N, C-alpha and C. Protein backbone atom coordinates (compact mmCIF):
# COMPACT_ATOMS: atom_id res chain seq x y z
N GLN A 1 93.83 100.40 119.45
CA GLN A 1 92.50 100.95 119.24
C GLN A 1 91.43 99.88 119.45
N VAL A 2 91.65 98.69 118.92
CA VAL A 2 90.66 97.62 119.03
C VAL A 2 90.55 97.13 120.47
N THR A 3 91.71 96.94 121.11
CA THR A 3 91.72 96.48 122.50
C THR A 3 91.05 97.49 123.42
N CYS A 4 91.34 98.77 123.21
CA CYS A 4 90.72 99.82 124.02
C CYS A 4 89.20 99.85 123.83
N LEU A 5 88.76 99.68 122.60
CA LEU A 5 87.32 99.68 122.33
C LEU A 5 86.65 98.50 123.02
N GLU A 6 87.30 97.33 122.95
CA GLU A 6 86.73 96.15 123.60
C GLU A 6 86.63 96.35 125.11
N LYS A 7 87.70 96.90 125.71
CA LYS A 7 87.68 97.16 127.16
C LYS A 7 86.59 98.17 127.51
N ALA A 8 86.46 99.21 126.69
CA ALA A 8 85.45 100.24 126.94
C ALA A 8 84.03 99.67 126.85
N LEU A 9 83.79 98.82 125.86
CA LEU A 9 82.47 98.21 125.72
C LEU A 9 82.15 97.29 126.89
N ASN A 10 83.16 96.51 127.34
CA ASN A 10 82.95 95.64 128.49
C ASN A 10 82.70 96.44 129.76
N ALA A 11 83.45 97.54 129.94
CA ALA A 11 83.26 98.40 131.12
C ALA A 11 81.88 99.05 131.10
N LEU A 12 81.46 99.52 129.92
CA LEU A 12 80.13 100.12 129.79
C LEU A 12 79.05 99.08 130.06
N ALA A 13 79.24 97.88 129.54
CA ALA A 13 78.26 96.80 129.75
C ALA A 13 78.14 96.47 131.24
N ASP A 14 79.26 96.47 131.98
CA ASP A 14 79.23 96.20 133.42
C ASP A 14 78.44 97.28 134.16
N LYS A 15 78.59 98.53 133.73
CA LYS A 15 77.93 99.65 134.41
C LYS A 15 76.43 99.73 134.13
N ILE A 16 76.01 99.33 132.93
CA ILE A 16 74.60 99.50 132.56
C ILE A 16 73.79 98.20 132.60
N GLY A 17 74.43 97.11 132.97
CA GLY A 17 73.67 95.87 133.13
C GLY A 17 73.78 94.88 131.98
N GLY A 18 74.89 94.83 131.30
CA GLY A 18 75.12 93.82 130.27
C GLY A 18 75.19 94.38 128.86
N VAL A 19 75.79 93.58 127.99
CA VAL A 19 75.98 93.96 126.58
C VAL A 19 74.65 94.12 125.86
N ALA A 20 73.64 93.40 126.31
CA ALA A 20 72.32 93.46 125.66
C ALA A 20 71.71 94.86 125.74
N ARG A 21 72.17 95.68 126.68
CA ARG A 21 71.63 97.03 126.83
C ARG A 21 72.27 98.01 125.85
N ILE A 22 73.35 97.60 125.17
CA ILE A 22 74.00 98.44 124.16
C ILE A 22 73.41 98.05 122.81
N SER A 23 72.71 98.97 122.18
CA SER A 23 72.03 98.61 120.92
C SER A 23 72.88 98.91 119.69
N THR A 24 73.56 100.07 119.65
CA THR A 24 74.33 100.44 118.46
C THR A 24 75.68 101.03 118.84
N LEU A 25 76.60 100.96 117.89
CA LEU A 25 77.93 101.55 118.05
C LEU A 25 78.36 102.14 116.71
N VAL A 26 78.91 103.35 116.74
CA VAL A 26 79.40 104.00 115.52
C VAL A 26 80.91 104.12 115.63
N THR A 27 81.63 103.57 114.63
CA THR A 27 83.09 103.67 114.59
C THR A 27 83.53 104.02 113.18
N ASP A 28 84.84 104.20 113.00
CA ASP A 28 85.34 104.36 111.64
C ASP A 28 85.40 102.97 111.00
N ARG A 29 85.77 102.92 109.71
CA ARG A 29 85.74 101.65 108.97
C ARG A 29 87.07 100.92 109.12
N HIS A 30 87.41 100.53 110.31
CA HIS A 30 88.67 99.83 110.58
C HIS A 30 88.39 98.33 110.53
N GLY A 31 89.15 97.61 109.72
CA GLY A 31 88.90 96.18 109.52
C GLY A 31 88.94 95.36 110.80
N ALA A 32 89.91 95.65 111.68
CA ALA A 32 90.04 94.90 112.93
C ALA A 32 88.85 95.17 113.86
N VAL A 33 88.35 96.41 113.84
CA VAL A 33 87.18 96.75 114.67
C VAL A 33 85.95 96.02 114.14
N ILE A 34 85.80 95.98 112.82
CA ILE A 34 84.66 95.28 112.21
C ILE A 34 84.67 93.80 112.61
N LYS A 35 85.85 93.18 112.53
CA LYS A 35 85.98 91.76 112.88
C LYS A 35 85.70 91.54 114.36
N MET A 36 86.25 92.40 115.23
CA MET A 36 86.03 92.26 116.67
C MET A 36 84.55 92.41 117.01
N MET A 37 83.88 93.37 116.40
CA MET A 37 82.45 93.58 116.67
C MET A 37 81.64 92.37 116.20
N ARG A 38 82.00 91.83 115.04
CA ARG A 38 81.27 90.68 114.49
C ARG A 38 81.48 89.44 115.37
N ASP A 39 82.72 89.23 115.85
CA ASP A 39 83.04 88.03 116.62
C ASP A 39 82.64 88.11 118.09
N ARG A 40 82.91 89.25 118.74
CA ARG A 40 82.74 89.34 120.20
C ARG A 40 81.46 90.04 120.64
N PHE A 41 80.90 90.91 119.80
CA PHE A 41 79.69 91.64 120.17
C PHE A 41 78.65 91.57 119.04
N PRO A 42 78.21 90.38 118.67
CA PRO A 42 77.28 90.27 117.54
C PRO A 42 75.91 90.89 117.80
N SER A 43 75.55 91.07 119.07
CA SER A 43 74.23 91.64 119.38
C SER A 43 74.19 93.16 119.20
N ILE A 44 75.35 93.79 119.13
CA ILE A 44 75.41 95.25 118.97
C ILE A 44 75.39 95.58 117.49
N ARG A 45 74.50 96.47 117.10
CA ARG A 45 74.40 96.90 115.70
C ARG A 45 75.55 97.88 115.41
N HIS A 46 76.41 97.53 114.47
CA HIS A 46 77.62 98.30 114.19
C HIS A 46 77.44 99.15 112.95
N PHE A 47 77.60 100.48 113.11
CA PHE A 47 77.53 101.41 111.99
C PHE A 47 78.89 102.06 111.78
N PHE A 48 79.11 102.58 110.56
CA PHE A 48 80.33 103.32 110.25
C PHE A 48 80.06 104.82 110.32
N ASP A 49 81.09 105.56 110.71
CA ASP A 49 81.00 107.01 110.70
C ASP A 49 80.97 107.47 109.25
N PRO A 50 79.92 108.17 108.82
CA PRO A 50 79.80 108.54 107.42
C PRO A 50 80.84 109.55 106.95
N TRP A 51 81.38 110.33 107.86
CA TRP A 51 82.33 111.37 107.46
C TRP A 51 83.52 110.77 106.71
N HIS A 52 84.08 109.67 107.23
CA HIS A 52 85.23 109.03 106.58
C HIS A 52 84.86 108.53 105.18
N TYR A 53 83.70 107.91 105.08
CA TYR A 53 83.25 107.35 103.80
C TYR A 53 83.08 108.45 102.75
N PHE A 54 82.40 109.53 103.14
CA PHE A 54 82.13 110.60 102.18
C PHE A 54 83.39 111.39 101.83
N ARG A 55 84.30 111.51 102.79
CA ARG A 55 85.58 112.17 102.49
C ARG A 55 86.33 111.37 101.43
N ASN A 56 86.42 110.05 101.60
CA ASN A 56 87.12 109.20 100.64
C ASN A 56 86.42 109.20 99.28
N LEU A 57 85.10 109.19 99.28
CA LEU A 57 84.34 109.24 98.03
C LEU A 57 84.59 110.55 97.30
N THR A 58 84.59 111.66 98.04
CA THR A 58 84.85 112.97 97.44
C THR A 58 86.24 113.03 96.84
N MET A 59 87.24 112.56 97.60
CA MET A 59 88.62 112.58 97.09
C MET A 59 88.77 111.74 95.84
N SER A 60 88.12 110.58 95.80
CA SER A 60 88.18 109.71 94.62
C SER A 60 87.54 110.39 93.41
N LEU A 61 86.38 111.00 93.61
CA LEU A 61 85.70 111.67 92.50
C LEU A 61 86.51 112.85 91.98
N LEU A 62 87.11 113.62 92.87
CA LEU A 62 87.92 114.76 92.44
C LEU A 62 89.14 114.29 91.64
N LYS A 63 89.71 113.16 92.04
CA LYS A 63 90.90 112.64 91.36
C LYS A 63 90.57 112.13 89.95
N ILE A 64 89.48 111.39 89.83
CA ILE A 64 89.19 110.79 88.52
C ILE A 64 88.52 111.74 87.55
N THR A 65 88.05 112.90 88.01
CA THR A 65 87.37 113.83 87.10
C THR A 65 88.28 114.94 86.60
N LYS A 66 89.59 114.80 86.77
CA LYS A 66 90.52 115.83 86.29
C LYS A 66 90.62 115.92 84.77
N PRO A 67 90.65 114.81 84.03
CA PRO A 67 90.78 114.90 82.57
C PRO A 67 89.55 115.56 81.93
N ASN A 68 89.77 116.12 80.75
CA ASN A 68 88.70 116.83 80.03
C ASN A 68 87.52 115.93 79.68
N TYR A 69 87.78 114.66 79.37
CA TYR A 69 86.69 113.79 78.97
C TYR A 69 85.77 113.42 80.14
N MET A 70 86.14 113.78 81.37
CA MET A 70 85.30 113.52 82.54
C MET A 70 84.53 114.76 82.98
N THR A 71 84.40 115.74 82.08
CA THR A 71 83.71 116.99 82.40
C THR A 71 82.28 116.75 82.88
N THR A 72 81.59 115.84 82.24
CA THR A 72 80.20 115.56 82.62
C THR A 72 80.14 115.05 84.06
N VAL A 73 81.04 114.14 84.40
CA VAL A 73 81.05 113.60 85.75
C VAL A 73 81.47 114.67 86.75
N LYS A 74 82.41 115.53 86.34
CA LYS A 74 82.85 116.62 87.23
C LYS A 74 81.66 117.50 87.59
N PHE A 75 80.79 117.76 86.62
CA PHE A 75 79.58 118.54 86.87
C PHE A 75 78.71 117.87 87.94
N TRP A 76 78.71 116.54 87.98
CA TRP A 76 77.86 115.78 88.89
C TRP A 76 78.50 115.50 90.25
N THR A 77 79.78 115.80 90.43
CA THR A 77 80.49 115.42 91.66
C THR A 77 79.77 115.88 92.92
N ARG A 78 79.45 117.15 92.99
CA ARG A 78 78.78 117.67 94.19
C ARG A 78 77.41 117.00 94.38
N ARG A 79 76.71 116.77 93.28
CA ARG A 79 75.40 116.12 93.37
C ARG A 79 75.52 114.67 93.85
N ILE A 80 76.58 113.98 93.40
CA ILE A 80 76.79 112.60 93.83
C ILE A 80 77.01 112.54 95.34
N ILE A 81 77.85 113.44 95.86
CA ILE A 81 78.12 113.48 97.30
C ILE A 81 76.84 113.84 98.07
N ASN A 82 76.13 114.85 97.60
CA ASN A 82 74.87 115.24 98.26
C ASN A 82 73.86 114.09 98.25
N LYS A 83 73.81 113.38 97.12
CA LYS A 83 72.88 112.24 97.00
C LYS A 83 73.28 111.13 97.98
N ALA A 84 74.58 110.92 98.15
CA ALA A 84 75.04 109.90 99.09
C ALA A 84 74.63 110.26 100.52
N TYR A 85 74.86 111.52 100.92
CA TYR A 85 74.42 111.97 102.25
C TYR A 85 72.91 111.80 102.39
N ASP A 86 72.18 112.26 101.40
CA ASP A 86 70.72 112.22 101.42
C ASP A 86 70.22 110.78 101.54
N SER A 87 70.88 109.86 100.85
CA SER A 87 70.49 108.45 100.88
C SER A 87 70.59 107.89 102.29
N VAL A 88 71.69 108.19 102.96
CA VAL A 88 71.91 107.66 104.31
C VAL A 88 70.91 108.26 105.29
N VAL A 89 70.67 109.56 105.19
CA VAL A 89 69.74 110.21 106.12
C VAL A 89 68.31 109.73 105.92
N LYS A 90 67.86 109.67 104.66
CA LYS A 90 66.48 109.26 104.39
C LYS A 90 66.22 107.78 104.67
N ALA A 91 67.26 106.95 104.55
CA ALA A 91 67.08 105.52 104.78
C ALA A 91 66.91 105.19 106.26
N GLN A 92 67.37 106.04 107.15
CA GLN A 92 67.22 105.86 108.60
C GLN A 92 67.65 104.46 109.07
N GLY A 93 68.83 104.03 108.62
CA GLY A 93 69.37 102.76 109.08
C GLY A 93 69.03 101.57 108.21
N ASP A 94 68.18 101.72 107.22
CA ASP A 94 67.85 100.63 106.30
C ASP A 94 68.90 100.60 105.19
N GLY A 95 69.80 99.64 105.27
CA GLY A 95 70.91 99.55 104.33
C GLY A 95 70.49 99.35 102.89
N THR A 96 69.41 98.59 102.67
CA THR A 96 68.92 98.33 101.31
C THR A 96 68.45 99.62 100.66
N VAL A 97 67.68 100.41 101.39
CA VAL A 97 67.17 101.67 100.85
C VAL A 97 68.32 102.63 100.57
N ALA A 98 69.27 102.73 101.52
CA ALA A 98 70.42 103.64 101.34
C ALA A 98 71.22 103.25 100.10
N SER A 99 71.47 101.96 99.95
CA SER A 99 72.25 101.47 98.81
C SER A 99 71.52 101.73 97.49
N GLU A 100 70.22 101.47 97.45
CA GLU A 100 69.46 101.67 96.21
C GLU A 100 69.33 103.15 95.85
N MET A 101 69.12 103.98 96.85
CA MET A 101 69.03 105.43 96.58
C MET A 101 70.35 105.95 96.03
N PHE A 102 71.45 105.48 96.60
CA PHE A 102 72.77 105.93 96.16
C PHE A 102 73.06 105.41 94.75
N ARG A 103 72.70 104.15 94.49
CA ARG A 103 72.93 103.55 93.18
C ARG A 103 72.10 104.21 92.09
N SER A 104 70.95 104.77 92.48
CA SER A 104 70.09 105.44 91.51
C SER A 104 70.75 106.67 90.90
N THR A 105 71.81 107.16 91.53
CA THR A 105 72.55 108.32 91.00
C THR A 105 73.07 108.04 89.60
N LEU A 106 73.55 106.82 89.36
CA LEU A 106 74.06 106.47 88.03
C LEU A 106 72.96 106.57 86.98
N HIS A 107 71.78 106.07 87.32
CA HIS A 107 70.64 106.17 86.40
C HIS A 107 70.28 107.63 86.15
N CYS A 108 70.25 108.41 87.22
CA CYS A 108 69.88 109.82 87.13
C CYS A 108 70.87 110.57 86.23
N MET A 109 72.16 110.25 86.35
CA MET A 109 73.17 110.90 85.51
C MET A 109 72.95 110.60 84.03
N CYS A 110 72.37 109.43 83.75
CA CYS A 110 72.11 109.03 82.36
C CYS A 110 70.75 109.48 81.87
N GLY A 111 70.00 110.19 82.70
CA GLY A 111 68.69 110.69 82.30
C GLY A 111 67.55 109.72 82.53
N VAL A 112 67.81 108.61 83.23
CA VAL A 112 66.77 107.63 83.54
C VAL A 112 66.31 107.89 84.97
N HIS A 113 65.06 108.33 85.14
CA HIS A 113 64.58 108.71 86.46
C HIS A 113 63.54 107.75 87.02
N ASP A 114 63.13 106.77 86.22
CA ASP A 114 62.21 105.73 86.69
C ASP A 114 62.85 104.39 86.37
N PHE A 115 63.18 103.62 87.39
CA PHE A 115 63.85 102.33 87.19
C PHE A 115 63.06 101.21 87.86
N SER A 116 61.74 101.31 87.79
CA SER A 116 60.88 100.28 88.37
C SER A 116 60.99 98.95 87.62
N SER A 117 61.45 99.00 86.36
CA SER A 117 61.60 97.76 85.59
C SER A 117 62.91 97.04 85.90
N ASP A 118 63.83 97.69 86.63
CA ASP A 118 65.11 97.08 87.01
C ASP A 118 64.89 96.21 88.26
N PRO A 119 65.07 94.89 88.15
CA PRO A 119 64.79 94.01 89.30
C PRO A 119 65.75 94.19 90.48
N SER A 120 66.89 94.83 90.26
CA SER A 120 67.83 95.03 91.37
C SER A 120 67.37 96.12 92.33
N PHE A 121 66.37 96.91 91.91
CA PHE A 121 65.79 97.93 92.79
C PHE A 121 64.50 97.35 93.38
N THR A 122 64.54 96.99 94.65
CA THR A 122 63.38 96.36 95.28
C THR A 122 62.51 97.35 96.06
N THR A 123 63.12 98.41 96.60
CA THR A 123 62.35 99.35 97.42
C THR A 123 62.33 100.77 96.87
N PHE A 124 63.36 101.16 96.16
CA PHE A 124 63.46 102.52 95.64
C PHE A 124 63.31 102.45 94.12
N LYS A 125 62.18 102.93 93.59
CA LYS A 125 61.84 102.69 92.18
C LYS A 125 62.02 103.88 91.25
N LYS A 126 62.10 105.12 91.77
CA LYS A 126 62.28 106.28 90.89
C LYS A 126 62.87 107.44 91.67
N CYS A 127 63.44 108.39 90.93
CA CYS A 127 64.03 109.58 91.55
C CYS A 127 62.94 110.40 92.24
N LEU A 128 63.32 111.08 93.30
CA LEU A 128 62.37 111.88 94.07
C LEU A 128 62.25 113.31 93.57
N HIS A 129 63.17 113.72 92.68
CA HIS A 129 63.15 115.10 92.19
C HIS A 129 62.20 115.25 91.00
N SER A 130 61.89 116.50 90.69
CA SER A 130 61.05 116.77 89.52
C SER A 130 61.90 116.63 88.25
N PRO A 131 61.30 116.42 87.09
CA PRO A 131 62.07 116.27 85.86
C PRO A 131 62.83 117.56 85.54
N PRO A 132 64.05 117.44 84.96
CA PRO A 132 64.81 118.64 84.62
C PRO A 132 64.14 119.43 83.50
N SER A 133 64.25 120.75 83.58
CA SER A 133 63.69 121.59 82.52
C SER A 133 64.58 121.51 81.29
N PRO A 134 64.06 121.80 80.08
CA PRO A 134 64.83 121.66 78.85
C PRO A 134 66.12 122.48 78.82
N GLY A 135 66.16 123.63 79.48
CA GLY A 135 67.36 124.47 79.44
C GLY A 135 68.33 124.23 80.57
N SER A 136 68.04 123.26 81.46
CA SER A 136 68.91 123.04 82.62
C SER A 136 70.21 122.38 82.20
N PRO A 137 71.29 122.56 83.00
CA PRO A 137 72.58 121.95 82.64
C PRO A 137 72.53 120.44 82.54
N THR A 138 71.64 119.79 83.27
CA THR A 138 71.57 118.33 83.21
C THR A 138 71.00 117.83 81.89
N SER A 139 70.28 118.69 81.17
CA SER A 139 69.70 118.25 79.90
C SER A 139 70.60 118.57 78.71
N ARG A 140 71.66 119.36 78.94
CA ARG A 140 72.58 119.69 77.84
C ARG A 140 73.54 118.55 77.57
N LYS A 141 73.89 118.39 76.32
CA LYS A 141 74.87 117.37 75.97
C LYS A 141 76.25 118.02 76.00
N THR A 142 77.23 117.26 76.51
CA THR A 142 78.59 117.79 76.51
C THR A 142 79.30 117.31 75.26
N ALA A 143 80.19 118.13 74.76
CA ALA A 143 80.92 117.79 73.54
C ALA A 143 81.92 116.68 73.82
N GLU A 144 82.06 115.79 72.88
CA GLU A 144 83.06 114.74 73.01
C GLU A 144 84.44 115.34 72.80
N PRO A 145 85.45 114.88 73.54
CA PRO A 145 86.79 115.41 73.35
C PRO A 145 87.34 115.06 71.98
N THR A 146 88.22 115.90 71.48
CA THR A 146 88.77 115.69 70.14
C THR A 146 89.75 114.53 70.10
N LYS A 147 90.29 114.14 71.24
CA LYS A 147 91.27 113.07 71.26
C LYS A 147 90.61 111.69 71.33
N GLY A 148 89.31 111.62 71.12
CA GLY A 148 88.56 110.38 71.31
C GLY A 148 89.05 109.20 70.49
N SER A 149 89.72 109.44 69.36
CA SER A 149 90.14 108.33 68.52
C SER A 149 91.49 107.75 68.94
N SER A 150 92.21 108.42 69.80
CA SER A 150 93.53 107.95 70.23
C SER A 150 93.40 106.70 71.10
N PRO A 151 94.17 105.63 70.78
CA PRO A 151 94.09 104.40 71.59
C PRO A 151 94.48 104.64 73.05
N SER A 152 95.53 105.44 73.28
CA SER A 152 95.95 105.68 74.66
C SER A 152 94.88 106.46 75.42
N PHE A 153 94.22 107.39 74.71
CA PHE A 153 93.14 108.16 75.32
C PHE A 153 92.00 107.22 75.72
N SER A 154 91.67 106.27 74.83
CA SER A 154 90.60 105.32 75.11
C SER A 154 90.93 104.45 76.31
N ARG A 155 92.22 104.01 76.41
CA ARG A 155 92.63 103.19 77.56
C ARG A 155 92.49 103.97 78.86
N ARG A 156 92.95 105.24 78.84
CA ARG A 156 92.85 106.07 80.05
C ARG A 156 91.39 106.28 80.42
N LYS A 157 90.56 106.51 79.41
CA LYS A 157 89.14 106.76 79.65
C LYS A 157 88.49 105.52 80.28
N THR A 158 88.80 104.34 79.73
CA THR A 158 88.25 103.10 80.27
C THR A 158 88.72 102.88 81.70
N SER A 159 90.00 103.15 81.96
CA SER A 159 90.55 102.98 83.29
C SER A 159 89.85 103.88 84.30
N ARG A 160 89.68 105.15 83.94
CA ARG A 160 89.04 106.10 84.86
C ARG A 160 87.56 105.77 85.05
N THR A 161 86.90 105.37 83.98
CA THR A 161 85.49 105.03 84.09
C THR A 161 85.30 103.82 85.00
N SER A 162 86.20 102.83 84.89
CA SER A 162 86.08 101.66 85.77
C SER A 162 86.34 102.05 87.22
N ARG A 163 87.25 103.01 87.45
CA ARG A 163 87.46 103.48 88.82
C ARG A 163 86.24 104.23 89.33
N MET A 164 85.57 104.95 88.44
CA MET A 164 84.34 105.66 88.82
C MET A 164 83.28 104.65 89.24
N SER A 165 83.11 103.59 88.45
CA SER A 165 82.09 102.60 88.80
C SER A 165 82.48 101.80 90.03
N ALA A 166 83.78 101.80 90.40
CA ALA A 166 84.20 101.12 91.62
C ALA A 166 83.57 101.74 92.85
N GLY A 167 83.26 103.03 92.77
CA GLY A 167 82.58 103.70 93.88
C GLY A 167 81.17 103.19 94.07
N PHE A 168 80.63 102.52 93.04
CA PHE A 168 79.28 101.96 93.11
C PHE A 168 79.32 100.44 93.10
N SER A 169 80.48 99.85 93.43
CA SER A 169 80.62 98.40 93.45
C SER A 169 79.83 97.80 94.62
N LYS A 170 79.68 96.47 94.62
CA LYS A 170 78.94 95.81 95.70
C LYS A 170 79.62 96.07 97.04
N ARG A 171 80.95 96.04 97.05
CA ARG A 171 81.68 96.26 98.31
C ARG A 171 81.46 97.69 98.82
N ALA A 172 81.55 98.67 97.91
CA ALA A 172 81.34 100.07 98.30
C ALA A 172 79.91 100.30 98.75
N LEU A 173 78.96 99.67 98.07
CA LEU A 173 77.55 99.83 98.45
C LEU A 173 77.25 99.14 99.77
N LEU A 174 77.96 98.03 100.07
CA LEU A 174 77.80 97.39 101.37
C LEU A 174 78.26 98.35 102.47
N LYS A 175 79.39 99.02 102.23
CA LYS A 175 79.87 100.00 103.21
C LYS A 175 78.87 101.14 103.35
N ALA A 176 78.30 101.57 102.25
CA ALA A 176 77.31 102.65 102.31
C ALA A 176 76.09 102.21 103.09
N SER A 177 75.73 100.94 102.98
CA SER A 177 74.55 100.46 103.69
C SER A 177 74.79 100.35 105.19
N MET A 178 76.04 100.38 105.64
CA MET A 178 76.36 100.29 107.07
C MET A 178 76.69 101.64 107.69
N LEU A 179 76.47 102.73 106.94
CA LEU A 179 76.75 104.05 107.49
C LEU A 179 75.73 104.42 108.55
N SER A 180 76.18 105.18 109.52
CA SER A 180 75.32 105.59 110.62
C SER A 180 74.23 106.53 110.12
N PRO A 181 72.97 106.27 110.47
CA PRO A 181 71.87 107.11 109.99
C PRO A 181 71.64 108.34 110.84
N GLY A 182 70.81 109.23 110.32
CA GLY A 182 70.26 110.34 111.09
C GLY A 182 71.24 111.35 111.63
N ASN A 183 71.04 111.77 112.87
CA ASN A 183 71.79 112.85 113.47
C ASN A 183 73.26 112.53 113.70
N THR A 184 73.65 111.27 113.59
CA THR A 184 75.05 110.94 113.82
C THR A 184 75.94 111.52 112.74
N LEU A 185 75.36 112.01 111.64
CA LEU A 185 76.18 112.67 110.62
C LEU A 185 76.91 113.87 111.21
N ARG A 186 76.34 114.47 112.24
CA ARG A 186 76.95 115.65 112.83
C ARG A 186 77.97 115.29 113.91
N ARG A 187 77.96 114.04 114.37
CA ARG A 187 78.88 113.62 115.42
C ARG A 187 79.96 112.75 114.81
N ARG A 188 81.06 113.32 114.45
CA ARG A 188 82.12 112.56 113.79
C ARG A 188 82.96 111.83 114.82
N THR A 189 83.41 110.62 114.50
CA THR A 189 84.25 109.87 115.42
C THR A 189 85.63 110.48 115.52
N ILE A 190 85.98 111.37 114.62
CA ILE A 190 87.30 112.01 114.66
C ILE A 190 87.51 112.73 116.00
N LEU A 191 86.44 113.26 116.59
CA LEU A 191 86.54 113.95 117.87
C LEU A 191 86.93 112.97 118.97
N ILE A 192 86.34 111.78 118.96
CA ILE A 192 86.66 110.76 119.96
C ILE A 192 88.06 110.22 119.73
N GLU A 193 88.41 110.00 118.45
CA GLU A 193 89.74 109.49 118.14
C GLU A 193 90.81 110.45 118.62
N THR A 194 90.58 111.75 118.47
CA THR A 194 91.53 112.76 118.92
C THR A 194 91.65 112.74 120.43
N ALA A 195 90.53 112.59 121.11
CA ALA A 195 90.53 112.58 122.58
C ALA A 195 91.25 111.37 123.14
N THR A 196 91.17 110.22 122.46
CA THR A 196 91.79 109.01 122.99
C THR A 196 93.26 108.87 122.61
N SER A 197 93.73 109.63 121.64
CA SER A 197 95.13 109.48 121.23
C SER A 197 96.08 110.30 122.06
């Protein structure tokens, strides 16, 4: 896959007048492709196909929200995915904005909609939605599970919560900041991968 991509880029560069004429490339998140692009084609802006990223994020959220104590997060799963898509589209290639918009989801889940006092947010300072109404599901408190005092329950809860926050880790946010912006959300690389295999 990597060798074929390199040959294709060189062939394209020969036909259009050099590598400098290729501005961007969208691929899946393959480690060898990332390294090859960084080493051999540093002038080409490399983006990731968002479909793979969001599919993996969705599968992770569905897996960790199975237990009863994750009911609140389960309620937010669809909103988290929608917010991730929205972040990439609205950022239009600006990785910092995409990352901050996506990270703001955690604040929004906790009822904090203005985070201008948080120094880690440099460009995105508050949620874009209107405040929730008093009777909306986001304003209701969920009941704590009855097994909350069990040590094994607490260990499982901590483990799942840490896996949840792993989706918002620096590494995951870096990947989110490299997702392809705009209309490329509709053009999945899976179609090209199928054609070349």
